[in-house]
């Protein structure tokens, strides 16, 4: 929760748009968005890259709360590498390690 709050605040500051959950994998978008945004990063960083590119292209954002339900699943996120790769994407260095 702390990590998502921090990354969402950083992505919101970088884009100038209110993004309460930057890591939510649920996105509704138009075909135009899909055709214009071409991601270069793998894994968890793709969410951040997508939001940054969409903001840079001037697309509008809206948020709807969804309930998160954890059932004891183990996270596959590697904290240090994922954090480092997130910062690379946030700072505009989109080539990240897999």
PDB file of N, CA and C in Angstrom:
ATOM      1  N   UNK A   1       0.832  -1.192   0.000  1.00  0.00           N
ATOM      2  CA  UNK A   1       0.000   0.000   0.000  1.00  0.00           C
ATOM      3  C   UNK A   1       0.872   1.249   0.000  1.00  0.00           C
ATOM      4  N   UNK A   2       1.929   1.246   0.807  1.00  0.00           N
ATOM      5  CA  UNK A   2       2.819   2.408   0.874  1.00  0.00           C
ATOM      6  C   UNK A   2       3.493   2.639  -0.474  1.00  0.00           C
ATOM      7  N   UNK A   3       3.964   1.558  -1.087  1.00  0.00           N
ATOM      8  CA  UNK A   3       4.631   1.663  -2.380  1.00  0.00           C
ATOM      9  C   UNK A   3       3.694   2.236  -3.443  1.00  0.00           C
ATOM     10  N   UNK A   4       2.461   1.741  -3.491  1.00  0.00           N
ATOM     11  CA  UNK A   4       1.502   2.221  -4.483  1.00  0.00           C
ATOM     12  C   UNK A   4       1.142   3.688  -4.237  1.00  0.00           C
ATOM     13  N   UNK A   5       1.006   4.069  -2.990  1.00  0.00           N
ATOM     14  CA  UNK A   5       0.702   5.465  -2.657  1.00  0.00           C
ATOM     15  C   UNK A   5       1.830   6.372  -3.126  1.00  0.00           C
ATOM     16  N   UNK A   6       3.072   5.957  -2.876  1.00  0.00           N
ATOM     17  CA  UNK A   6       4.230   6.753  -3.275  1.00  0.00           C
ATOM     18  C   UNK A   6       4.364   6.832  -4.791  1.00  0.00           C
ATOM     19  N   UNK A   7       4.261   5.677  -5.472  1.00  0.00           N
ATOM     20  CA  UNK A   7       4.401   5.703  -6.927  1.00  0.00           C
ATOM     21  C   UNK A   7       3.267   6.491  -7.577  1.00  0.00           C
ATOM     22  N   UNK A   8       2.073   6.381  -7.044  1.00  0.00           N
ATOM     23  CA  UNK A   8       0.943   7.143  -7.588  1.00  0.00           C
ATOM     24  C   UNK A   8       1.158   8.641  -7.423  1.00  0.00           C
ATOM     25  N   UNK A   9       1.699   9.039  -6.286  1.00  0.00           N
ATOM     26  CA  UNK A   9       1.991  10.464  -6.053  1.00  0.00           C
ATOM     27  C   UNK A   9       3.061  10.959  -7.013  1.00  0.00           C
ATOM     28  N   UNK A  10       4.089  10.163  -7.246  1.00  0.00           N
ATOM     29  CA  UNK A  10       5.158  10.560  -8.169  1.00  0.00           C
ATOM     30  C   UNK A  10       4.659  10.642  -9.611  1.00  0.00           C
ATOM     31  N   UNK A  11       3.861   9.663 -10.024  1.00  0.00           N
ATOM     32  CA  UNK A  11       3.306   9.681 -11.391  1.00  0.00           C
ATOM     33  C   UNK A  11       2.337  10.855 -11.541  1.00  0.00           C
ATOM     34  N   UNK A  12       1.540  11.123 -10.522  1.00  0.00           N
ATOM     35  CA  UNK A  12       0.627  12.272 -10.560  1.00  0.00           C
ATOM     36  C   UNK A  12       1.404  13.583 -10.691  1.00  0.00           C
ATOM     37  N   UNK A  13       2.481  13.709  -9.926  1.00  0.00           N
ATOM     38  CA  UNK A  13       3.304  14.924 -10.000  1.00  0.00           C
ATOM     39  C   UNK A  13       3.952  15.059 -11.371  1.00  0.00           C
ATOM     40  N   UNK A  14       4.439  13.967 -11.915  1.00  0.00           N
ATOM     41  CA  UNK A  14       5.119  13.992 -13.226  1.00  0.00           C
ATOM     42  C   UNK A  14       4.152  14.322 -14.359  1.00  0.00           C
ATOM     43  N   UNK A  15       2.906  13.808 -14.274  1.00  0.00           N
ATOM     44  CA  UNK A  15       1.940  14.008 -15.359  1.00  0.00           C
ATOM     45  C   UNK A  15       1.089  15.256 -15.178  1.00  0.00           C
ATOM     46  N   UNK A  16       1.009  15.755 -13.944  1.00  0.00           N
ATOM     47  CA  UNK A  16       0.132  16.884 -13.676  1.00  0.00           C
ATOM     48  C   UNK A  16      -1.336  16.483 -13.642  1.00  0.00           C
ATOM     49  N   UNK A  17      -1.587  15.189 -13.491  1.00  0.00           N
ATOM     50  CA  UNK A  17      -2.951  14.660 -13.453  1.00  0.00           C
ATOM     51  C   UNK A  17      -3.129  13.855 -12.175  1.00  0.00           C
ATOM     52  N   UNK A  18      -4.338  13.827 -11.648  1.00  0.00           N
ATOM     53  CA  UNK A  18      -4.611  13.051 -10.441  1.00  0.00           C
ATOM     54  C   UNK A  18      -4.742  11.579 -10.815  1.00  0.00           C
ATOM     55  N   UNK A  19      -3.797  10.779 -10.344  1.00  0.00           N
ATOM     56  CA  UNK A  19      -3.805   9.348 -10.608  1.00  0.00           C
ATOM     57  C   UNK A  19      -3.719   8.641  -9.261  1.00  0.00           C
ATOM     58  N   UNK A  20      -4.862   8.250  -8.702  1.00  0.00           N
ATOM     59  CA  UNK A  20      -4.875   7.671  -7.357  1.00  0.00           C
ATOM     60  C   UNK A  20      -4.279   6.268  -7.264  1.00  0.00           C
ATOM     61  N   UNK A  21      -4.234   5.512  -8.357  1.00  0.00           N
ATOM     62  CA  UNK A  21      -3.680   4.161  -8.319  1.00  0.00           C
ATOM     63  C   UNK A  21      -2.937   3.892  -9.624  1.00  0.00           C
ATOM     64  N   UNK A  22      -1.660   4.241  -9.631  1.00  0.00           N
ATOM     65  CA  UNK A  22      -0.882   4.129 -10.861  1.00  0.00           C
ATOM     66  C   UNK A  22      -0.585   2.688 -11.261  1.00  0.00           C
ATOM     67  N   UNK A  23      -0.748   1.754 -10.364  1.00  0.00           N
ATOM     68  CA  UNK A  23      -0.420   0.364 -10.663  1.00  0.00           C
ATOM     69  C   UNK A  23      -1.641  -0.515 -10.916  1.00  0.00           C
ATOM     70  N   UNK A  24      -2.815   0.073 -10.936  1.00  0.00           N
ATOM     71  CA  UNK A  24      -4.020  -0.699 -11.218  1.00  0.00           C
ATOM     72  C   UNK A  24      -3.959  -1.198 -12.656  1.00  0.00           C
ATOM     73  N   UNK A  25      -4.172  -2.468 -12.850  1.00  0.00           N
ATOM     74  CA  UNK A  25      -4.124  -3.035 -14.192  1.00  0.00           C
ATOM     75  C   UNK A  25      -5.421  -2.915 -14.966  1.00  0.00           C
ATOM     76  N   UNK A  26      -6.458  -2.363 -14.343  1.00  0.00           N
ATOM     77  CA  UNK A  26      -7.734  -2.190 -15.025  1.00  0.00           C
ATOM     78  C   UNK A  26      -7.748  -0.841 -15.722  1.00  0.00           C
ATOM     79  N   UNK A  27      -7.797  -0.843 -17.044  1.00  0.00           N
ATOM     80  CA  UNK A  27      -7.818   0.392 -17.821  1.00  0.00           C
ATOM     81  C   UNK A  27      -8.914   0.302 -18.872  1.00  0.00           C
ATOM     82  N   UNK A  28      -9.644   1.363 -19.027  1.00  0.00           N
ATOM     83  CA  UNK A  28     -10.611   1.493 -20.106  1.00  0.00           C
ATOM     84  C   UNK A  28     -10.067   2.580 -21.008  1.00  0.00           C
ATOM     85  N   UNK A  29      -9.926   2.264 -22.284  1.00  0.00           N
ATOM     86  CA  UNK A  29      -9.362   3.257 -23.196  1.00  0.00           C
ATOM     87  C   UNK A  29      -9.978   3.116 -24.575  1.00  0.00           C
ATOM     88  N   UNK A  30      -9.865   4.182 -25.318  1.00  0.00           N
ATOM     89  CA  UNK A  30     -10.376   4.168 -26.679  1.00  0.00           C
ATOM     90  C   UNK A  30      -9.345   3.534 -27.616  1.00  0.00           C
ATOM     91  N   UNK A  31      -9.807   3.182 -28.768  1.00  0.00           N
ATOM     92  CA  UNK A  31      -8.925   2.615 -29.784  1.00  0.00           C
ATOM     93  C   UNK A  31      -7.802   3.602 -30.133  1.00  0.00           C
ATOM     94  N   UNK A  32      -8.127   4.885 -30.146  1.00  0.00           N
ATOM     95  CA  UNK A  32      -7.135   5.917 -30.462  1.00  0.00           C
ATOM     96  C   UNK A  32      -5.952   5.858 -29.498  1.00  0.00           C
ATOM     97  N   UNK A  33      -6.226   5.661 -28.224  1.00  0.00           N
ATOM     98  CA  UNK A  33      -5.161   5.555 -27.226  1.00  0.00           C
ATOM     99  C   UNK A  33      -4.290   4.335 -27.524  1.00  0.00           C
ATOM    100  N   UNK A  34      -4.925   3.212 -27.768  1.00  0.00           N
ATOM    101  CA  UNK A  34      -4.196   1.976 -28.043  1.00  0.00           C
ATOM    102  C   UNK A  34      -3.308   2.127 -29.277  1.00  0.00           C
ATOM    103  N   UNK A  35      -3.813   2.778 -30.298  1.00  0.00           N
ATOM    104  CA  UNK A  35      -3.050   2.941 -31.535  1.00  0.00           C
ATOM    105  C   UNK A  35      -1.886   3.919 -31.389  1.00  0.00           C
ATOM    106  N   UNK A  36      -1.986   4.862 -30.477  1.00  0.00           N
ATOM    107  CA  UNK A  36      -0.956   5.908 -30.348  1.00  0.00           C
ATOM    108  C   UNK A  36       0.142   5.590 -29.347  1.00  0.00           C
ATOM    109  N   UNK A  37      -0.117   4.686 -28.411  1.00  0.00           N
ATOM    110  CA  UNK A  37       0.864   4.421 -27.360  1.00  0.00           C
ATOM    111  C   UNK A  37       1.534   3.072 -27.604  1.00  0.00           C
ATOM    112  N   UNK A  38       2.840   3.122 -27.751  1.00  0.00           N
ATOM    113  CA  UNK A  38       3.632   1.914 -27.978  1.00  0.00           C
ATOM    114  C   UNK A  38       4.628   1.790 -26.829  1.00  0.00           C
ATOM    115  N   UNK A  39       4.434   0.776 -26.004  1.00  0.00           N
ATOM    116  CA  UNK A  39       5.258   0.598 -24.817  1.00  0.00           C
ATOM    117  C   UNK A  39       6.576  -0.083 -25.150  1.00  0.00           C
ATOM    118  N   UNK A  40       7.612   0.287 -24.397  1.00  0.00           N
ATOM    119  CA  UNK A  40       8.932  -0.308 -24.587  1.00  0.00           C
ATOM    120  C   UNK A  40       9.423  -1.023 -23.341  1.00  0.00           C
ATOM    121  N   UNK A  41       8.668  -0.945 -22.254  1.00  0.00           N
ATOM    122  CA  UNK A  41       9.107  -1.556 -21.006  1.00  0.00           C
ATOM    123  C   UNK A  41       8.283  -2.793 -20.671  1.00  0.00           C
ATOM    124  N   UNK A  42       8.901  -3.757 -20.001  1.00  0.00           N
ATOM    125  CA  UNK A  42       8.205  -4.982 -19.599  1.00  0.00           C
ATOM    126  C   UNK A  42       7.665  -4.865 -18.183  1.00  0.00           C
ATOM    127  N   UNK A  43       6.862  -5.820 -17.810  1.00  0.00           N
ATOM    128  CA  UNK A  43       6.475  -5.981 -16.416  1.00  0.00           C
ATOM    129  C   UNK A  43       5.731  -4.817 -15.799  1.00  0.00           C
ATOM    130  N   UNK A  44       5.971  -4.636 -14.502  1.00  0.00           N
ATOM    131  CA  UNK A  44       5.256  -3.633 -13.715  1.00  0.00           C
ATOM    132  C   UNK A  44       5.500  -2.210 -14.217  1.00  0.00           C
ATOM    133  N   UNK A  45       6.623  -1.956 -14.845  1.00  0.00           N
ATOM    134  CA  UNK A  45       6.951  -0.612 -15.306  1.00  0.00           C
ATOM    135  C   UNK A  45       6.064  -0.172 -16.467  1.00  0.00           C
ATOM    136  N   UNK A  46       5.451  -1.120 -17.167  1.00  0.00           N
ATOM    137  CA  UNK A  46       4.610  -0.792 -18.313  1.00  0.00           C
ATOM    138  C   UNK A  46       3.432   0.092 -17.904  1.00  0.00           C
ATOM    139  N   UNK A  47       2.882  -0.126 -16.718  1.00  0.00           N
ATOM    140  CA  UNK A  47       1.773   0.714 -16.233  1.00  0.00           C
ATOM    141  C   UNK A  47       2.204   2.169 -16.137  1.00  0.00           C
ATOM    142  N   UNK A  48       3.386   2.391 -15.590  1.00  0.00           N
ATOM    143  CA  UNK A  48       3.902   3.751 -15.447  1.00  0.00           C
ATOM    144  C   UNK A  48       4.185   4.360 -16.809  1.00  0.00           C
ATOM    145  N   UNK A  49       4.842   3.608 -17.677  1.00  0.00           N
ATOM    146  CA  UNK A  49       5.140   4.117 -19.018  1.00  0.00           C
ATOM    147  C   UNK A  49       3.855   4.489 -19.754  1.00  0.00           C
ATOM    148  N   UNK A  50       2.843   3.631 -19.646  1.00  0.00           N
ATOM    149  CA  UNK A  50       1.569   3.900 -20.305  1.00  0.00           C
ATOM    150  C   UNK A  50       0.988   5.234 -19.839  1.00  0.00           C
ATOM    151  N   UNK A  51       0.931   5.440 -18.530  1.00  0.00           N
ATOM    152  CA  UNK A  51       0.360   6.680 -17.986  1.00  0.00           C
ATOM    153  C   UNK A  51       1.161   7.902 -18.417  1.00  0.00           C
ATOM    154  N   UNK A  52       2.478   7.805 -18.401  1.00  0.00           N
ATOM    155  CA  UNK A  52       3.312   8.941 -18.801  1.00  0.00           C
ATOM    156  C   UNK A  52       3.110   9.286 -20.274  1.00  0.00           C
ATOM    157  N   UNK A  53       3.100   8.270 -21.111  1.00  0.00           N
ATOM    158  CA  UNK A  53       2.914   8.514 -22.551  1.00  0.00           C
ATOM    159  C   UNK A  53       1.517   9.072 -22.837  1.00  0.00           C
ATOM    160  N   UNK A  54       0.508   8.523 -22.186  1.00  0.00           N
ATOM    161  CA  UNK A  54      -0.859   9.023 -22.391  1.00  0.00           C
ATOM    162  C   UNK A  54      -0.970  10.485 -21.968  1.00  0.00           C
ATOM    163  N   UNK A  55      -0.363  10.837 -20.851  1.00  0.00           N
ATOM    164  CA  UNK A  55      -0.387  12.231 -20.382  1.00  0.00           C
ATOM    165  C   UNK A  55       0.368  13.133 -21.353  1.00  0.00           C
ATOM    166  N   UNK A  56       1.525  12.682 -21.812  1.00  0.00           N
ATOM    167  CA  UNK A  56       2.316  13.483 -22.760  1.00  0.00           C
ATOM    168  C   UNK A  56       1.561  13.729 -24.061  1.00  0.00           C
ATOM    169  N   UNK A  57       0.709  12.783 -24.452  1.00  0.00           N
ATOM    170  CA  UNK A  57      -0.080  12.924 -25.680  1.00  0.00           C
ATOM    171  C   UNK A  57      -1.388  13.690 -25.449  1.00  0.00           C
ATOM    172  N   UNK A  58      -1.634  14.084 -24.201  1.00  0.00           N
ATOM    173  CA  UNK A  58      -2.799  14.907 -23.901  1.00  0.00           C
ATOM    174  C   UNK A  58      -4.100  14.160 -23.693  1.00  0.00           C
ATOM    175  N   UNK A  59      -4.032  12.858 -23.485  1.00  0.00           N
ATOM    176  CA  UNK A  59      -5.253  12.103 -23.245  1.00  0.00           C
ATOM    177  C   UNK A  59      -5.816  12.429 -21.869  1.00  0.00           C
ATOM    178  N   UNK A  60      -7.129  12.332 -21.741  1.00  0.00           N
ATOM    179  CA  UNK A  60      -7.811  12.599 -20.473  1.00  0.00           C
ATOM    180  C   UNK A  60      -7.796  11.360 -19.593  1.00  0.00           C
ATOM    181  N   UNK A  61      -7.866  11.592 -18.287  1.00  0.00           N
ATOM    182  CA  UNK A  61      -7.865  10.514 -17.306  1.00  0.00           C
ATOM    183  C   UNK A  61      -9.086  10.649 -16.411  1.00  0.00           C
ATOM    184  N   UNK A  62      -9.604   9.536 -15.965  1.00  0.00           N
ATOM    185  CA  UNK A  62     -10.647   9.494 -14.946  1.00  0.00           C
ATOM    186  C   UNK A  62     -10.401   8.239 -14.121  1.00  0.00           C
ATOM    187  N   UNK A  63     -10.866   8.247 -12.890  1.00  0.00           N
ATOM    188  CA  UNK A  63     -10.665   7.102 -12.013  1.00  0.00           C
ATOM    189  C   UNK A  63     -11.976   6.661 -11.387  1.00  0.00           C
ATOM    190  N   UNK A  64     -12.097   5.378 -11.226  1.00  0.00           N
ATOM    191  CA  UNK A  64     -13.234   4.775 -10.545  1.00  0.00           C
ATOM    192  C   UNK A  64     -12.654   3.806  -9.528  1.00  0.00           C
ATOM    193  N   UNK A  65     -13.122   3.890  -8.299  1.00  0.00           N
ATOM    194  CA  UNK A  65     -12.610   2.990  -7.256  1.00  0.00           C
ATOM    195  C   UNK A  65     -13.042   1.550  -7.527  1.00  0.00           C
ATOM    196  N   UNK A  66     -12.097   0.645  -7.384  1.00  0.00           N
ATOM    197  CA  UNK A  66     -12.398  -0.779  -7.445  1.00  0.00           C
ATOM    198  C   UNK A  66     -11.836  -1.413  -6.187  1.00  0.00           C
ATOM    199  N   UNK A  67     -12.512  -2.403  -5.682  1.00  0.00           N
ATOM    200  CA  UNK A  67     -12.065  -3.071  -4.470  1.00  0.00           C
ATOM    201  C   UNK A  67     -10.938  -4.039  -4.803  1.00  0.00           C
ATOM    202  N   UNK A  68      -9.889  -3.995  -4.028  1.00  0.00           N
ATOM    203  CA  UNK A  68      -8.779  -4.925  -4.177  1.00  0.00           C
ATOM    204  C   UNK A  68      -8.969  -6.050  -3.175  1.00  0.00           C
ATOM    205  N   UNK A  69      -8.926  -7.263  -3.682  1.00  0.00           N
ATOM    206  CA  UNK A  69      -9.103  -8.426  -2.818  1.00  0.00           C
ATOM    207  C   UNK A  69      -7.856  -9.299  -2.926  1.00  0.00           C
ATOM    208  N   UNK A  70      -7.152  -9.424  -1.819  1.00  0.00           N
ATOM    209  CA  UNK A  70      -5.987 -10.299  -1.778  1.00  0.00           C
ATOM    210  C   UNK A  70      -6.385 -11.596  -1.080  1.00  0.00           C
ATOM    211  N   UNK A  71      -6.034 -12.685  -1.682  1.00  0.00           N
ATOM    212  CA  UNK A  71      -6.388 -13.985  -1.106  1.00  0.00           C
ATOM    213  C   UNK A  71      -5.136 -14.768  -0.727  1.00  0.00           C
ATOM    214  N   UNK A  72      -4.142 -14.072  -0.232  1.00  0.00           N
ATOM    215  CA  UNK A  72      -2.918 -14.739   0.197  1.00  0.00           C
ATOM    216  C   UNK A  72      -1.933 -15.007  -0.922  1.00  0.00           C
ATOM    217  N   UNK A  73      -2.185 -14.460  -2.120  1.00  0.00           N
ATOM    218  CA  UNK A  73      -1.254 -14.660  -3.224  1.00  0.00           C
ATOM    219  C   UNK A  73       0.071 -13.986  -2.898  1.00  0.00           C
ATOM    220  N   UNK A  74       1.144 -14.562  -3.393  1.00  0.00           N
ATOM    221  CA  UNK A  74       2.465 -14.001  -3.187  1.00  0.00           C
ATOM    222  C   UNK A  74       2.773 -13.045  -4.338  1.00  0.00           C
ATOM    223  N   UNK A  75       3.323 -11.903  -4.003  1.00  0.00           N
ATOM    224  CA  UNK A  75       3.703 -10.934  -5.030  1.00  0.00           C
ATOM    225  C   UNK A  75       4.911 -11.443  -5.810  1.00  0.00           C
ATOM    226  N   UNK A  76       4.925 -11.177  -7.097  1.00  0.00           N
ATOM    227  CA  UNK A  76       6.057 -11.547  -7.947  1.00  0.00           C
ATOM    228  C   UNK A  76       6.962 -10.350  -8.196  1.00  0.00           C
ATOM    229  N   UNK A  77       6.664  -9.247  -7.542  1.00  0.00           N
ATOM    230  CA  UNK A  77       7.458  -8.036  -7.712  1.00  0.00           C
ATOM    231  C   UNK A  77       8.782  -8.184  -6.957  1.00  0.00           C
ATOM    232  N   UNK A  78       9.866  -7.816  -7.636  1.00  0.00           N
ATOM    233  CA  UNK A  78      11.175  -7.783  -6.984  1.00  0.00           C
ATOM    234  C   UNK A  78      11.421  -6.331  -6.583  1.00  0.00           C
ATOM    235  N   UNK A  79      11.348  -6.070  -5.306  1.00  0.00           N
ATOM    236  CA  UNK A  79      11.317  -4.694  -4.807  1.00  0.00           C
ATOM    237  C   UNK A  79      12.413  -3.784  -5.339  1.00  0.00           C
ATOM    238  N   UNK A  80      13.670  -4.156  -5.217  1.00  0.00           N
ATOM    239  CA  UNK A  80      14.746  -3.230  -5.605  1.00  0.00           C
ATOM    240  C   UNK A  80      14.818  -3.035  -7.105  1.00  0.00           C
ATOM    241  N   UNK A  81      14.789  -4.115  -7.870  1.00  0.00           N
ATOM    242  CA  UNK A  81      14.863  -3.977  -9.322  1.00  0.00           C
ATOM    243  C   UNK A  81      13.632  -3.263  -9.867  1.00  0.00           C
ATOM    244  N   UNK A  82      12.460  -3.609  -9.371  1.00  0.00           N
ATOM    245  CA  UNK A  82      11.234  -2.959  -9.826  1.00  0.00           C
ATOM    246  C   UNK A  82      11.255  -1.481  -9.481  1.00  0.00           C
ATOM    247  N   UNK A  83      11.714  -1.142  -8.288  1.00  0.00           N
ATOM    248  CA  UNK A  83      11.809   0.270  -7.891  1.00  0.00           C
ATOM    249  C   UNK A  83      12.785   1.018  -8.788  1.00  0.00           C
ATOM    250  N   UNK A  84      13.945   0.419  -9.033  1.00  0.00           N
ATOM    251  CA  UNK A  84      14.947   1.054  -9.907  1.00  0.00           C
ATOM    252  C   UNK A  84      14.377   1.254 -11.316  1.00  0.00           C
ATOM    253  N   UNK A  85      13.706   0.239 -11.849  1.00  0.00           N
ATOM    254  CA  UNK A  85      13.129   0.343 -13.189  1.00  0.00           C
ATOM    255  C   UNK A  85      11.999   1.367 -13.236  1.00  0.00           C
ATOM    256  N   UNK A  86      11.191   1.443 -12.173  1.00  0.00           N
ATOM    257  CA  UNK A  86      10.139   2.460 -12.091  1.00  0.00           C
ATOM    258  C   UNK A  86      10.755   3.849 -12.179  1.00  0.00           C
ATOM    259  N   UNK A  87      11.825   4.086 -11.437  1.00  0.00           N
ATOM    260  CA  UNK A  87      12.474   5.406 -11.456  1.00  0.00           C
ATOM    261  C   UNK A  87      13.058   5.723 -12.822  1.00  0.00           C
ATOM    262  N   UNK A  88      13.606   4.724 -13.517  1.00  0.00           N
ATOM    263  CA  UNK A  88      14.121   4.952 -14.873  1.00  0.00           C
ATOM    264  C   UNK A  88      13.001   5.408 -15.804  1.00  0.00           C
ATOM    265  N   UNK A  89      11.863   4.728 -15.727  1.00  0.00           N
ATOM    266  CA  UNK A  89      10.724   5.096 -16.576  1.00  0.00           C
ATOM    267  C   UNK A  89      10.214   6.482 -16.191  1.00  0.00           C
ATOM    268  N   UNK A  90      10.079   6.744 -14.910  1.00  0.00           N
ATOM    269  CA  UNK A  90       9.580   8.031 -14.435  1.00  0.00           C
ATOM    270  C   UNK A  90      10.482   9.174 -14.892  1.00  0.00           C
ATOM    271  N   UNK A  91      11.781   8.932 -14.927  1.00  0.00           N
ATOM    272  CA  UNK A  91      12.743   9.964 -15.305  1.00  0.00           C
ATOM    273  C   UNK A  91      13.013  10.013 -16.804  1.00  0.00           C
ATOM    274  N   UNK A  92      12.296   9.178 -17.566  1.00  0.00           N
ATOM    275  CA  UNK A  92      12.406   9.251 -19.021  1.00  0.00           C
ATOM    276  C   UNK A  92      13.451   8.348 -19.633  1.00  0.00           C
ATOM    277  N   UNK A  93      14.006   7.457 -18.855  1.00  0.00           N
ATOM    278  CA  UNK A  93      14.984   6.501 -19.372  1.00  0.00           C
ATOM    279  C   UNK A  93      14.259   5.167 -19.506  1.00  0.00           C
ATOM    280  N   UNK A  94      13.522   4.995 -20.605  1.00  0.00           N
ATOM    281  CA  UNK A  94      12.584   3.877 -20.706  1.00  0.00           C
ATOM    282  C   UNK A  94      13.207   2.531 -20.967  1.00  0.00           C
ATOM    283  N   UNK A  95      14.498   2.451 -21.243  1.00  0.00           N
ATOM    284  CA  UNK A  95      15.113   1.130 -21.403  1.00  0.00           C
ATOM    285  C   UNK A  95      15.389   0.576 -20.011  1.00  0.00           C
ATOM    286  N   UNK A  96      14.717  -0.502 -19.683  1.00  0.00           N
ATOM    287  CA  UNK A  96      14.893  -1.117 -18.364  1.00  0.00           C
ATOM    288  C   UNK A  96      15.304  -2.566 -18.521  1.00  0.00           C
ATOM    289  N   UNK A  97      15.858  -3.131 -17.469  1.00  0.00           N
ATOM    290  CA  UNK A  97      16.265  -4.527 -17.482  1.00  0.00           C
ATOM    291  C   UNK A  97      15.065  -5.430 -17.250  1.00  0.00           C
ATOM    292  N   UNK A  98      15.103  -6.579 -17.858  1.00  0.00           N
ATOM    293  CA  UNK A  98      14.032  -7.556 -17.647  1.00  0.00           C
ATOM    294  C   UNK A  98      14.392  -8.427 -16.470  1.00  0.00           C
TER     295      UNK A  98
END
